Protein backbone atom coordinates (compact mmCIF):
# COMPACT_ATOMS: atom_id res chain seq x y z
CA MET A 1 93.47 137.04 107.33
CA ALA A 2 90.09 138.69 107.78
CA THR A 3 87.26 137.62 105.51
CA THR A 4 83.89 139.15 104.78
CA THR A 5 80.81 136.96 104.38
CA LEU A 6 77.57 138.28 102.93
CA ASN A 7 74.48 137.61 105.00
CA SER A 8 70.88 138.67 105.17
CA VAL A 9 71.73 141.85 107.08
CA THR A 10 74.67 142.84 104.88
CA LYS A 11 73.97 146.10 103.07
CA ILE A 12 75.47 145.66 99.61
CA PRO A 13 76.37 149.06 98.15
CA LYS A 14 74.37 150.24 95.16
CA MET A 15 75.04 152.71 92.38
CA GLU A 16 72.50 154.76 90.50
CA LEU A 17 72.44 154.01 86.77
CA SER A 18 72.09 156.88 84.35
CA SER A 19 69.96 156.85 81.19
CA SER A 20 67.46 154.43 82.72
CA SER A 21 63.68 154.48 82.56
CA GLY A 22 63.16 155.90 86.04
CA PRO A 23 65.50 155.58 89.03
CA VAL A 24 67.49 152.34 88.88
CA SER A 25 69.97 151.25 91.57
CA MET A 26 72.36 148.41 90.73
CA PRO A 27 73.99 146.39 93.53
CA VAL A 28 77.74 146.61 92.93
CA ILE A 29 78.27 142.99 94.01
CA GLY A 30 76.58 140.43 91.80
CA PHE A 31 76.35 136.67 91.32
CA GLY A 32 77.50 135.40 87.92
CA THR A 33 75.98 132.30 86.35
CA ALA A 34 78.49 131.50 83.59
CA ALA A 35 80.01 128.02 83.86
CA ASN A 36 81.48 125.43 81.53
CA ASN A 37 78.98 122.81 82.66
CA ASN A 38 75.83 124.42 83.98
CA ASP A 39 73.88 121.89 86.02
CA GLY A 40 70.40 123.27 86.54
CA ALA A 41 69.77 121.80 89.98
CA THR A 42 73.16 122.93 91.27
CA LEU A 43 72.66 126.45 89.95
CA ILE A 44 69.16 126.72 91.45
CA SER A 45 70.53 125.66 94.83
CA ALA A 46 73.44 128.11 94.55
CA VAL A 47 71.17 131.02 93.63
CA LEU A 48 68.79 130.30 96.51
CA GLU A 49 71.68 130.12 98.96
CA SER A 50 73.19 133.32 97.58
CA ILE A 51 69.86 135.12 98.04
CA GLU A 52 69.81 133.96 101.66
CA LEU A 53 73.34 135.38 102.02
CA GLY A 54 72.25 138.77 100.73
CA TYR A 55 72.90 138.75 96.98
CA ARG A 56 70.31 140.59 94.91
CA HIS A 57 72.11 141.12 91.58
CA PHE A 58 72.25 138.13 89.21
CA ASP A 59 74.07 138.14 85.89
CA THR A 60 73.27 135.72 83.08
CA ALA A 61 73.29 135.60 79.27
CA SER A 62 71.57 133.64 76.55
CA ALA A 63 74.92 132.04 75.72
CA TYR A 64 75.46 130.81 79.30
CA GLU A 65 72.43 128.50 79.08
CA SER A 66 71.67 129.43 82.69
CA GLU A 67 68.61 131.62 82.17
CA GLN A 68 66.11 128.82 82.75
CA ALA A 69 67.67 127.68 86.03
CA LEU A 70 68.01 131.26 87.23
CA GLY A 71 64.35 131.90 86.42
CA GLU A 72 63.30 128.78 88.32
CA ALA A 73 65.42 129.86 91.29
CA ILE A 74 63.84 133.32 91.29
CA ALA A 75 60.36 131.80 91.23
CA GLU A 76 61.27 129.49 94.11
CA ALA A 77 62.80 132.36 96.10
CA LEU A 78 59.57 134.32 95.73
CA ARG A 79 57.50 131.27 96.70
CA LEU A 80 59.62 130.73 99.82
CA GLY A 81 59.52 134.40 100.76
CA LEU A 82 63.31 134.84 100.53
CA VAL A 83 62.58 138.14 98.79
CA PRO A 84 59.26 139.97 99.12
CA SER A 85 58.85 140.73 95.40
CA ARG A 86 60.56 140.67 92.00
CA ASP A 87 61.58 144.32 92.25
CA HIS A 88 63.94 143.47 95.12
CA LEU A 89 66.16 141.66 92.60
CA PHE A 90 68.38 143.06 89.85
CA ILE A 91 68.59 140.81 86.79
CA THR A 92 71.05 141.28 83.92
CA THR A 93 71.19 139.28 80.71
CA LYS A 94 72.92 139.78 77.37
CA LEU A 95 72.43 139.79 73.60
CA TRP A 96 74.69 137.26 71.86
CA PRO A 97 76.46 138.31 68.59
CA SER A 98 74.33 135.95 66.49
CA GLU A 99 71.31 137.99 67.62
CA ALA A 100 73.08 141.34 67.21
CA HIS A 101 71.00 142.17 64.13
CA ALA A 102 68.44 144.97 64.41
CA HIS A 103 65.46 142.73 63.66
CA LEU A 104 66.56 140.07 66.17
CA VAL A 105 67.28 142.27 69.22
CA LEU A 106 63.73 142.53 70.57
CA PRO A 107 62.81 138.88 69.85
CA SER A 108 66.01 137.77 71.60
CA LEU A 109 65.18 139.83 74.69
CA GLN A 110 61.62 138.51 74.72
CA LYS A 111 62.91 134.94 74.47
CA SER A 112 65.19 135.57 77.45
CA LEU A 113 62.25 136.95 79.42
CA ARG A 114 60.19 133.83 78.67
CA THR A 115 63.08 131.59 79.72
CA LEU A 116 63.63 133.61 82.90
CA GLN A 117 59.86 133.71 83.58
CA LEU A 118 60.10 137.49 84.05
CA GLU A 119 58.15 140.45 82.72
CA TYR A 120 61.14 142.79 82.52
CA LEU A 121 64.91 142.99 82.92
CA ASP A 122 66.83 145.48 85.01
CA LEU A 123 69.73 145.58 82.55
CA TYR A 124 70.17 144.29 79.00
CA LEU A 125 73.66 144.29 77.49
CA ILE A 126 75.20 143.78 74.05
CA HIS A 127 77.51 140.90 74.99
CA TRP A 128 80.32 141.64 72.50
CA PRO A 129 80.84 144.46 69.97
CA ILE A 130 80.62 142.09 67.03
CA THR A 131 78.00 140.45 64.84
CA VAL A 132 78.08 136.88 63.54
CA ILE A 133 75.65 135.12 61.24
CA PRO A 134 72.37 134.11 62.94
CA GLY A 135 72.43 130.77 64.72
CA LYS A 136 76.17 130.69 65.41
CA ARG A 137 76.78 130.45 69.16
CA GLU A 138 80.30 129.06 69.33
CA PHE A 139 83.06 131.14 70.96
CA PRO A 140 85.68 132.09 69.91
CA PHE A 141 84.11 133.06 66.61
CA ASP A 142 85.20 131.65 63.26
CA LYS A 143 86.31 134.44 60.96
CA GLN A 144 84.07 133.21 58.16
CA ASP A 145 81.04 133.77 60.43
CA LEU A 146 81.86 137.41 61.19
CA MET A 147 79.73 140.21 59.79
CA PRO A 148 80.12 144.00 60.03
CA MET A 149 78.09 145.17 63.00
CA ASP A 150 75.58 147.91 62.25
CA PHE A 151 76.05 149.65 65.59
CA LYS A 152 73.45 152.33 64.85
CA SER A 153 70.58 149.99 64.01
CA VAL A 154 71.42 147.48 66.74
CA TRP A 155 71.65 150.20 69.37
CA ALA A 156 68.41 151.76 68.12
CA ALA A 157 66.76 148.36 68.68
CA MET A 158 68.23 148.24 72.19
CA GLU A 159 66.79 151.69 72.87
CA GLU A 160 63.40 150.50 71.66
CA CYS A 161 63.55 147.60 74.13
CA GLN A 162 63.94 150.12 76.95
CA ARG A 163 61.22 152.42 75.63
CA LEU A 164 58.80 149.48 75.44
CA GLY A 165 59.48 148.63 79.09
CA PHE A 166 61.07 145.23 78.55
CA THR A 167 64.25 146.43 80.29
CA LYS A 168 64.85 149.30 82.69
CA SER A 169 68.39 149.95 81.48
CA ILE A 170 70.56 149.07 78.49
CA GLY A 171 74.31 148.83 78.13
CA VAL A 172 77.24 147.06 76.56
CA SER A 173 79.90 144.53 77.47
CA ASN A 174 83.53 144.17 76.37
CA PHE A 175 83.53 147.48 74.46
CA SER A 176 86.81 149.34 74.02
CA CYS A 177 86.99 153.10 74.63
CA LYS A 178 87.07 153.64 70.86
CA LYS A 179 83.88 151.63 70.34
CA LEU A 180 82.19 153.43 73.23
CA GLU A 181 83.07 156.82 71.74
CA ASN A 182 81.54 155.72 68.44
CA LEU A 183 78.37 154.53 70.17
CA LEU A 184 78.02 157.74 72.17
CA SER A 185 78.26 159.81 69.00
CA PHE A 186 74.77 158.71 67.88
CA ALA A 187 73.00 157.13 70.88
CA THR A 188 69.83 158.87 72.02
CA ILE A 189 69.87 156.73 75.18
CA PRO A 190 73.52 156.37 76.27
CA PRO A 191 74.59 152.99 77.69
CA SER A 192 74.25 152.80 81.46
CA VAL A 193 76.99 150.17 81.81
CA ASN A 194 80.06 148.79 80.04
CA GLN A 195 80.67 145.42 81.68
CA VAL A 196 84.25 144.12 81.45
CA SER A 197 86.26 141.58 83.44
CA HIS A 198 88.81 143.20 85.71
CA CYS A 199 91.56 141.25 87.49
CA ARG A 200 91.62 143.45 90.57
CA ASN A 201 94.63 141.88 92.24
CA LEU A 202 96.72 142.34 89.09
CA LYS A 203 95.11 145.69 88.26
CA ILE A 204 94.51 144.61 84.66
CA LEU A 205 91.53 143.91 82.45
CA ASP A 206 90.78 140.34 81.48
CA ASN A 207 93.18 139.12 78.77
CA ASP A 208 90.31 137.90 76.56
CA PHE A 209 88.95 141.46 76.47
CA HIS A 210 92.29 142.78 75.19
CA LYS A 211 92.73 140.02 72.61
CA PHE A 212 89.17 140.43 71.37
CA ASN A 213 89.42 144.17 70.85
CA LEU A 214 92.76 143.80 69.10
CA ALA A 215 91.31 141.18 66.77
CA TYR A 216 88.00 142.90 66.03
CA ARG A 217 88.77 146.60 66.32
């Protein structure tokens, strides 16, 4: 069976993102940093090796607790000359439901930037289409912690993050078609991305995505 290995000369395809502040190209192959037990040193080593192999898109989230290690790896990659500058990388992180309150969106993004040691993101996503009370980070969510999400005010805060230059693009994650249609009905900056897990071999979306949208539709 033939296999494909990324290397420093591999040209990873990119796609142009719409609704961004200026032209933004996202590598279609990315390196995810979610893990049950994130060991910082292991993740730093993995990110550095992946950069040497040709990866340029790195996906994290405040809930993954991998932002600090990813930021340290990026700084080390720049120091070692593995990439010539920050703008050769594409960094995505996400807003957790406990921060999905209009007044917490910008502070949450700024906290992620400090942890990542970056001045801007390439893509900032609403992690799930749900709001829970501030400070609750456990998943799955307890029903008593759920709150109605004010999609309009939260999305307006996301748009402000882009206008202020803290992120080049904004988007969502785990949104159903119905929720996307609702968002598009009032967004002044449409989402550039809806990130979902797709089991390509089985040609189905991730089962957690289906269960979530059935439970919280």
